[in-house]
């Protein structure tokens, strides 16, 4: 008679993340409190991909 039954589960899931960041506010660059230039951080995007792997052992 088998008192224990073992079960191994493996799960795979993929994921994808798109992230968009808009342009920053305008900043005034100063030197000795005198405006020298105007700077702006441009738009940027990030694409991230991945796989999650899970293992579960039940007995």
PDB file of N, CA and C in Angstrom:
ATOM      1  N   UNK A   1       0.836  -1.169   0.000  1.00  0.00           N
ATOM      2  CA  UNK A   1       0.000   0.000   0.000  1.00  0.00           C
ATOM      3  C   UNK A   1       0.894   1.250   0.000  1.00  0.00           C
ATOM      4  N   UNK A   2       0.623   2.187  -0.902  1.00  0.00           N
ATOM      5  CA  UNK A   2       1.425   3.400  -1.019  1.00  0.00           C
ATOM      6  C   UNK A   2       0.764   4.503  -0.192  1.00  0.00           C
ATOM      7  N   UNK A   3       1.447   4.954   0.885  1.00  0.00           N
ATOM      8  CA  UNK A   3       0.897   5.985   1.748  1.00  0.00           C
ATOM      9  C   UNK A   3       1.160   7.391   1.223  1.00  0.00           C
ATOM     10  N   UNK A   4       2.189   7.534   0.411  1.00  0.00           N
ATOM     11  CA  UNK A   4       2.563   8.852  -0.095  1.00  0.00           C
ATOM     12  C   UNK A   4       2.496   8.874  -1.621  1.00  0.00           C
ATOM     13  N   UNK A   5       1.922   9.908  -2.142  1.00  0.00           N
ATOM     14  CA  UNK A   5       1.885  10.109  -3.586  1.00  0.00           C
ATOM     15  C   UNK A   5       2.633  11.408  -3.881  1.00  0.00           C
ATOM     16  N   UNK A   6       3.638  11.347  -4.710  1.00  0.00           N
ATOM     17  CA  UNK A   6       4.427  12.535  -5.020  1.00  0.00           C
ATOM     18  C   UNK A   6       3.954  13.146  -6.339  1.00  0.00           C
ATOM     19  N   UNK A   7       3.937  14.446  -6.350  1.00  0.00           N
ATOM     20  CA  UNK A   7       3.498  15.172  -7.536  1.00  0.00           C
ATOM     21  C   UNK A   7       4.435  16.356  -7.746  1.00  0.00           C
ATOM     22  N   UNK A   8       5.016  16.437  -8.930  1.00  0.00           N
ATOM     23  CA  UNK A   8       5.897  17.559  -9.281  1.00  0.00           C
ATOM     24  C   UNK A   8       5.179  18.423 -10.308  1.00  0.00           C
ATOM     25  N   UNK A   9       5.015  19.703  -9.986  1.00  0.00           N
ATOM     26  CA  UNK A   9       4.389  20.644 -10.899  1.00  0.00           C
ATOM     27  C   UNK A   9       5.429  21.677 -11.323  1.00  0.00           C
ATOM     28  N   UNK A  10       5.471  21.941 -12.603  1.00  0.00           N
ATOM     29  CA  UNK A  10       6.369  22.957 -13.153  1.00  0.00           C
ATOM     30  C   UNK A  10       5.493  23.954 -13.911  1.00  0.00           C
ATOM     31  N   UNK A  11       5.662  25.219 -13.600  1.00  0.00           N
ATOM     32  CA  UNK A  11       4.889  26.246 -14.298  1.00  0.00           C
ATOM     33  C   UNK A  11       5.834  27.240 -14.968  1.00  0.00           C
ATOM     34  N   UNK A  12       5.467  27.622 -16.165  1.00  0.00           N
ATOM     35  CA  UNK A  12       6.217  28.614 -16.929  1.00  0.00           C
ATOM     36  C   UNK A  12       5.258  29.733 -17.306  1.00  0.00           C
ATOM     37  N   UNK A  13       5.696  30.942 -17.141  1.00  0.00           N
ATOM     38  CA  UNK A  13       4.891  32.083 -17.580  1.00  0.00           C
ATOM     39  C   UNK A  13       5.830  33.162 -18.109  1.00  0.00           C
ATOM     40  N   UNK A  14       5.452  33.715 -19.216  1.00  0.00           N
ATOM     41  CA  UNK A  14       6.261  34.787 -19.792  1.00  0.00           C
ATOM     42  C   UNK A  14       5.578  36.116 -19.500  1.00  0.00           C
ATOM     43  N   UNK A  15       6.360  37.175 -19.473  1.00  0.00           N
ATOM     44  CA  UNK A  15       5.805  38.494 -19.215  1.00  0.00           C
ATOM     45  C   UNK A  15       6.501  39.524 -20.088  1.00  0.00           C
ATOM     46  N   UNK A  16       5.776  40.591 -20.311  1.00  0.00           N
ATOM     47  CA  UNK A  16       6.242  41.662 -21.162  1.00  0.00           C
ATOM     48  C   UNK A  16       5.767  42.971 -20.546  1.00  0.00           C
ATOM     49  N   UNK A  17       6.667  43.922 -20.407  1.00  0.00           N
ATOM     50  CA  UNK A  17       6.341  45.203 -19.789  1.00  0.00           C
ATOM     51  C   UNK A  17       6.798  46.329 -20.708  1.00  0.00           C
ATOM     52  N   UNK A  18       5.845  47.148 -21.132  1.00  0.00           N
ATOM     53  CA  UNK A  18       6.155  48.354 -21.897  1.00  0.00           C
ATOM     54  C   UNK A  18       5.951  49.537 -20.974  1.00  0.00           C
ATOM     55  N   UNK A  19       6.935  50.388 -20.895  1.00  0.00           N
ATOM     56  CA  UNK A  19       6.846  51.543 -20.008  1.00  0.00           C
ATOM     57  C   UNK A  19       7.261  52.784 -20.798  1.00  0.00           C
ATOM     58  N   UNK A  20       6.400  53.784 -20.795  1.00  0.00           N
ATOM     59  CA  UNK A  20       6.686  55.026 -21.500  1.00  0.00           C
ATOM     60  C   UNK A  20       6.718  56.154 -20.484  1.00  0.00           C
ATOM     61  N   UNK A  21       7.748  56.943 -20.554  1.00  0.00           N
ATOM     62  CA  UNK A  21       7.881  58.101 -19.681  1.00  0.00           C
ATOM     63  C   UNK A  21       7.908  59.346 -20.555  1.00  0.00           C
ATOM     64  N   UNK A  22       7.035  60.245 -20.276  1.00  0.00           N
ATOM     65  CA  UNK A  22       6.961  61.478 -21.064  1.00  0.00           C
ATOM     66  C   UNK A  22       8.113  62.413 -20.769  1.00  0.00           C
ATOM     67  N   UNK A  23       8.131  63.464 -21.489  1.00  0.00           N
ATOM     68  CA  UNK A  23       9.182  64.473 -21.340  1.00  0.00           C
ATOM     69  C   UNK A  23       9.098  65.118 -19.962  1.00  0.00           C
ATOM     70  N   UNK A  24      10.243  65.469 -19.417  1.00  0.00           N
ATOM     71  CA  UNK A  24      10.272  66.108 -18.096  1.00  0.00           C
ATOM     72  C   UNK A  24       9.888  67.583 -18.216  1.00  0.00           C
ATOM     73  N   UNK A  25       9.728  68.199 -17.090  1.00  0.00           N
ATOM     74  CA  UNK A  25       9.480  69.636 -17.064  1.00  0.00           C
ATOM     75  C   UNK A  25      10.732  70.383 -17.531  1.00  0.00           C
ATOM     76  N   UNK A  26      10.541  71.606 -17.935  1.00  0.00           N
ATOM     77  CA  UNK A  26      11.662  72.447 -18.365  1.00  0.00           C
ATOM     78  C   UNK A  26      12.398  72.954 -17.131  1.00  0.00           C
ATOM     79  N   UNK A  27      13.718  72.823 -17.156  1.00  0.00           N
ATOM     80  CA  UNK A  27      14.562  73.321 -16.065  1.00  0.00           C
ATOM     81  C   UNK A  27      15.456  74.432 -16.593  1.00  0.00           C
ATOM     82  N   UNK A  28      15.621  75.450 -15.799  1.00  0.00           N
ATOM     83  CA  UNK A  28      16.516  76.546 -16.165  1.00  0.00           C
ATOM     84  C   UNK A  28      17.845  76.312 -15.454  1.00  0.00           C
ATOM     85  N   UNK A  29      18.888  76.174 -16.227  1.00  0.00           N
ATOM     86  CA  UNK A  29      20.235  75.983 -15.693  1.00  0.00           C
ATOM     87  C   UNK A  29      20.826  77.355 -15.407  1.00  0.00           C
ATOM     88  N   UNK A  30      21.274  77.538 -14.167  1.00  0.00           N
ATOM     89  CA  UNK A  30      21.826  78.847 -13.785  1.00  0.00           C
ATOM     90  C   UNK A  30      23.270  78.713 -13.338  1.00  0.00           C
ATOM     91  N   UNK A  31      23.979  79.808 -13.463  1.00  0.00           N
ATOM     92  CA  UNK A  31      25.347  79.893 -12.961  1.00  0.00           C
ATOM     93  C   UNK A  31      25.464  81.243 -12.260  1.00  0.00           C
ATOM     94  N   UNK A  32      25.760  81.208 -10.974  1.00  0.00           N
ATOM     95  CA  UNK A  32      25.789  82.421 -10.153  1.00  0.00           C
ATOM     96  C   UNK A  32      24.453  83.167 -10.234  1.00  0.00           C
ATOM     97  N   UNK A  33      23.370  82.386 -10.211  1.00  0.00           N
ATOM     98  CA  UNK A  33      21.997  82.901 -10.251  1.00  0.00           C
ATOM     99  C   UNK A  33      21.650  83.616 -11.549  1.00  0.00           C
ATOM    100  N   UNK A  34      22.428  83.389 -12.595  1.00  0.00           N
ATOM    101  CA  UNK A  34      22.150  83.953 -13.917  1.00  0.00           C
ATOM    102  C   UNK A  34      21.732  82.801 -14.825  1.00  0.00           C
ATOM    103  N   UNK A  35      20.569  82.886 -15.478  1.00  0.00           N
ATOM    104  CA  UNK A  35      20.150  81.809 -16.382  1.00  0.00           C
ATOM    105  C   UNK A  35      21.155  81.603 -17.514  1.00  0.00           C
ATOM    106  N   UNK A  36      21.560  80.356 -17.701  1.00  0.00           N
ATOM    107  CA  UNK A  36      22.558  80.029 -18.718  1.00  0.00           C
ATOM    108  C   UNK A  36      21.925  79.242 -19.864  1.00  0.00           C
ATOM    109  N   UNK A  37      21.037  78.315 -19.530  1.00  0.00           N
ATOM    110  CA  UNK A  37      20.474  77.436 -20.556  1.00  0.00           C
ATOM    111  C   UNK A  37      19.164  76.858 -20.046  1.00  0.00           C
ATOM    112  N   UNK A  38      18.402  76.292 -20.954  1.00  0.00           N
ATOM    113  CA  UNK A  38      17.172  75.580 -20.608  1.00  0.00           C
ATOM    114  C   UNK A  38      17.389  74.119 -20.964  1.00  0.00           C
ATOM    115  N   UNK A  39      17.111  73.222 -20.024  1.00  0.00           N
ATOM    116  CA  UNK A  39      17.320  71.798 -20.285  1.00  0.00           C
ATOM    117  C   UNK A  39      16.010  71.033 -20.078  1.00  0.00           C
ATOM    118  N   UNK A  40      15.852  69.962 -20.854  1.00  0.00           N
ATOM    119  CA  UNK A  40      14.675  69.096 -20.785  1.00  0.00           C
ATOM    120  C   UNK A  40      15.130  67.659 -20.984  1.00  0.00           C
ATOM    121  N   UNK A  41      14.636  66.767 -20.150  1.00  0.00           N
ATOM    122  CA  UNK A  41      14.901  65.347 -20.366  1.00  0.00           C
ATOM    123  C   UNK A  41      13.913  64.844 -21.414  1.00  0.00           C
ATOM    124  N   UNK A  42      14.382  64.191 -22.480  1.00  0.00           N
ATOM    125  CA  UNK A  42      13.477  63.772 -23.562  1.00  0.00           C
ATOM    126  C   UNK A  42      12.588  62.588 -23.153  1.00  0.00           C
ATOM    127  N   UNK A  43      11.591  62.302 -24.012  1.00  0.00           N
ATOM    128  CA  UNK A  43      10.749  61.122 -23.817  1.00  0.00           C
ATOM    129  C   UNK A  43      11.632  59.878 -23.808  1.00  0.00           C
ATOM    130  N   UNK A  44      11.180  58.859 -23.087  1.00  0.00           N
ATOM    131  CA  UNK A  44      11.920  57.597 -23.098  1.00  0.00           C
ATOM    132  C   UNK A  44      10.947  56.431 -22.968  1.00  0.00           C
ATOM    133  N   UNK A  45      11.363  55.295 -23.499  1.00  0.00           N
ATOM    134  CA  UNK A  45      10.577  54.065 -23.394  1.00  0.00           C
ATOM    135  C   UNK A  45      11.475  52.946 -22.910  1.00  0.00           C
ATOM    136  N   UNK A  46      10.856  51.980 -22.249  1.00  0.00           N
ATOM    137  CA  UNK A  46      11.560  50.796 -21.778  1.00  0.00           C
ATOM    138  C   UNK A  46      10.721  49.576 -22.123  1.00  0.00           C
ATOM    139  N   UNK A  47      11.343  48.573 -22.711  1.00  0.00           N
ATOM    140  CA  UNK A  47      10.683  47.310 -23.005  1.00  0.00           C
ATOM    141  C   UNK A  47      11.421  46.217 -22.235  1.00  0.00           C
ATOM    142  N   UNK A  48      10.705  45.532 -21.357  1.00  0.00           N
ATOM    143  CA  UNK A  48      11.313  44.469 -20.560  1.00  0.00           C
ATOM    144  C   UNK A  48      10.581  43.163 -20.849  1.00  0.00           C
ATOM    145  N   UNK A  49      11.337  42.087 -21.008  1.00  0.00           N
ATOM    146  CA  UNK A  49      10.793  40.768 -21.277  1.00  0.00           C
ATOM    147  C   UNK A  49      11.339  39.804 -20.237  1.00  0.00           C
ATOM    148  N   UNK A  50      10.571  38.783 -19.898  1.00  0.00           N
ATOM    149  CA  UNK A  50      11.076  37.820 -18.936  1.00  0.00           C
ATOM    150  C   UNK A  50      10.260  36.548 -18.907  1.00  0.00           C
ATOM    151  N   UNK A  51      10.794  35.560 -18.211  1.00  0.00           N
ATOM    152  CA  UNK A  51      10.136  34.270 -18.006  1.00  0.00           C
ATOM    153  C   UNK A  51      10.220  33.931 -16.533  1.00  0.00           C
ATOM    154  N   UNK A  52       9.107  33.534 -15.959  1.00  0.00           N
ATOM    155  CA  UNK A  52       9.078  33.029 -14.586  1.00  0.00           C
ATOM    156  C   UNK A  52       8.940  31.513 -14.639  1.00  0.00           C
ATOM    157  N   UNK A  53       9.755  30.826 -13.857  1.00  0.00           N
ATOM    158  CA  UNK A  53       9.716  29.373 -13.772  1.00  0.00           C
ATOM    159  C   UNK A  53       9.436  29.002 -12.313  1.00  0.00           C
ATOM    160  N   UNK A  54       8.424  28.168 -12.116  1.00  0.00           N
ATOM    161  CA  UNK A  54       8.082  27.752 -10.761  1.00  0.00           C
ATOM    162  C   UNK A  54       8.088  26.245 -10.627  1.00  0.00           C
ATOM    163  N   UNK A  55       8.542  25.752  -9.483  1.00  0.00           N
ATOM    164  CA  UNK A  55       8.557  24.324  -9.182  1.00  0.00           C
ATOM    165  C   UNK A  55       7.791  24.078  -7.901  1.00  0.00           C
ATOM    166  N   UNK A  56       6.985  23.029  -7.878  1.00  0.00           N
ATOM    167  CA  UNK A  56       6.243  22.675  -6.677  1.00  0.00           C
ATOM    168  C   UNK A  56       6.256  21.169  -6.532  1.00  0.00           C
ATOM    169  N   UNK A  57       6.666  20.710  -5.382  1.00  0.00           N
ATOM    170  CA  UNK A  57       6.714  19.273  -5.100  1.00  0.00           C
ATOM    171  C   UNK A  57       5.733  19.002  -3.959  1.00  0.00           C
ATOM    172  N   UNK A  58       4.758  18.195  -4.263  1.00  0.00           N
ATOM    173  CA  UNK A  58       3.769  17.823  -3.246  1.00  0.00           C
ATOM    174  C   UNK A  58       3.875  16.322  -2.965  1.00  0.00           C
ATOM    175  N   UNK A  59       3.795  15.979  -1.696  1.00  0.00           N
ATOM    176  CA  UNK A  59       3.792  14.552  -1.341  1.00  0.00           C
ATOM    177  C   UNK A  59       3.031  14.337  -0.062  1.00  0.00           C
TER     178      UNK A  59
END
